[in-house]
Protein backbone atom coordinates (compact mmCIF):
# COMPACT_ATOMS: atom_id res chain seq x y z
CA MET A 1 93.67 104.60 101.28
CA THR A 2 95.40 101.65 102.88
CA ILE A 3 98.35 99.64 101.66
CA ASN A 4 97.42 96.10 100.71
CA GLU A 5 98.90 93.50 103.10
CA ASN A 6 100.82 91.95 100.17
CA LEU A 7 102.69 95.23 99.71
CA ASN A 8 103.81 95.10 103.34
CA GLU A 9 105.73 91.94 102.47
CA ALA A 10 107.49 93.56 99.48
CA GLU A 11 111.28 93.89 99.57
CA ASP A 12 111.16 97.50 98.33
CA ALA A 13 109.98 100.50 100.30
CA LEU A 14 106.64 101.49 98.75
CA CYS A 15 104.43 104.51 99.15
CA VAL A 16 101.43 106.05 97.43
CA THR A 17 101.05 109.81 97.02
CA ASN A 18 98.23 111.97 95.79
CA THR A 19 98.84 114.36 92.89
CA ALA A 20 100.07 117.03 95.34
CA GLY A 21 102.77 114.67 96.63
CA ARG A 22 101.17 113.99 100.02
CA ILE A 23 101.78 110.45 101.21
CA VAL A 24 98.45 108.65 101.49
CA GLY A 25 99.84 105.20 102.30
CA ALA A 26 103.12 103.37 102.81
CA ASN A 27 104.30 99.86 103.55
CA LYS A 28 106.29 98.78 106.62
CA ARG A 29 109.64 98.87 104.80
CA PHE A 30 109.08 102.50 103.73
CA CYS A 31 108.20 103.46 107.30
CA LYS A 32 111.30 101.75 108.66
CA MET A 33 113.57 103.30 105.99
CA PHE A 34 112.35 106.83 106.70
CA GLY A 35 111.66 106.56 110.45
CA PHE A 36 107.86 106.76 110.51
CA GLU A 37 105.17 104.80 112.28
CA GLN A 38 102.54 103.65 109.77
CA HIS A 39 99.79 105.68 111.45
CA GLU A 40 101.71 108.98 111.11
CA VAL A 41 103.09 108.70 107.56
CA LYS A 42 99.93 110.27 106.04
CA TRP A 43 100.82 113.63 107.55
CA HIS A 44 103.93 114.02 105.39
CA TYR A 45 104.87 114.92 101.82
CA LEU A 46 107.33 112.95 99.71
CA ARG A 47 109.16 116.20 98.86
CA ASP A 48 110.24 116.51 102.50
CA LEU A 49 112.32 113.33 102.07
CA TYR A 50 114.49 114.64 99.21
CA ARG A 51 117.96 115.87 100.15
CA HIS A 52 118.34 118.21 97.16
CA GLU A 53 115.59 120.45 95.82
CA ASP A 54 116.91 120.25 92.24
CA GLU A 55 116.41 116.46 92.21
CA LEU A 56 112.88 116.92 93.53
CA ASN A 57 112.17 119.50 90.82
CA CYS A 58 113.38 117.03 88.18
CA VAL A 59 110.86 114.48 89.45
CA LEU A 60 108.04 117.02 89.58
CA LYS A 61 108.61 118.05 85.94
CA GLN A 62 108.09 114.50 84.72
CA THR A 63 104.67 113.63 83.41
CA PRO A 64 102.59 111.36 85.63
CA GLY A 65 101.03 108.36 83.97
CA HIS A 66 104.14 106.57 82.86
CA SER A 67 106.98 104.85 84.65
CA ASP A 68 110.01 106.87 85.74
CA VAL A 69 113.26 105.49 87.17
CA LEU A 70 115.91 107.78 88.60
CA GLN A 71 118.75 107.90 91.07
CA THR A 72 118.34 110.45 93.80
CA LYS A 73 119.48 111.32 97.29
CA MET A 74 116.86 111.13 100.00
CA ARG A 75 116.89 111.58 103.76
CA ASN A 76 115.15 109.91 106.62
CA ARG A 77 113.23 111.64 109.36
CA SER A 78 116.36 112.23 111.45
CA GLY A 79 118.11 113.90 108.48
CA ARG A 80 120.46 111.05 107.53
CA SER A 81 121.02 111.00 103.74
CA PHE A 82 121.31 108.01 101.43
CA ARG A 83 121.39 107.40 97.68
CA CYS A 84 118.55 105.39 96.22
CA VAL A 85 116.79 104.37 93.05
CA LEU A 86 113.24 105.68 92.85
CA THR A 87 110.75 104.11 90.49
CA ARG A 88 107.36 105.76 90.17
CA TRP A 89 104.33 105.31 88.01
CA GLY A 90 100.88 106.78 87.76
CA SER A 91 97.83 104.80 88.75
CA LYS A 92 94.39 105.20 90.27
CA SER A 93 93.17 104.37 93.74
CA GLN A 94 90.30 101.95 94.30
CA GLU A 95 88.08 105.04 94.36
CA GLY A 96 89.34 106.09 90.90
CA ILE A 97 91.45 108.99 92.19
CA PRO A 98 94.80 109.58 90.37
CA VAL A 99 97.78 108.61 92.54
CA MET A 100 101.50 107.99 92.12
CA LEU A 101 103.11 104.75 93.29
CA HIS A 102 106.73 105.01 94.44
CA SER A 103 109.21 102.18 94.94
CA ILE A 104 112.46 103.10 96.67
CA GLN A 105 115.56 100.91 96.78
CA ARG A 106 118.54 102.01 98.82
CA MET A 107 121.83 101.92 96.91
CA ASN A 108 124.88 100.37 98.52
CA ALA A 109 127.67 102.79 99.27
CA ALA A 110 130.64 102.40 96.93
């Protein structure tokens, strides 16, 4: 699966995961935010980017197929943490495979 060129121009960091949470595509902003090159992002799982396991578990318990918005703490590839707002919703790939779309907005420090 590839990210549509229009998504690369989006202001939010966007990624697509399969039902197991493996990243199958991401836009340029996501790669920059988390420290990945676009060609290597597919080898990672979204769960590896969460700072706290309890927040990840909260996300995993939610039912795919509807929109979810939550505040969470994530970390980039070098381990630096930041608060963000994660919006996710269920969808299907062009091949008809269930996927989750994730939009991540970094929150400004107070």
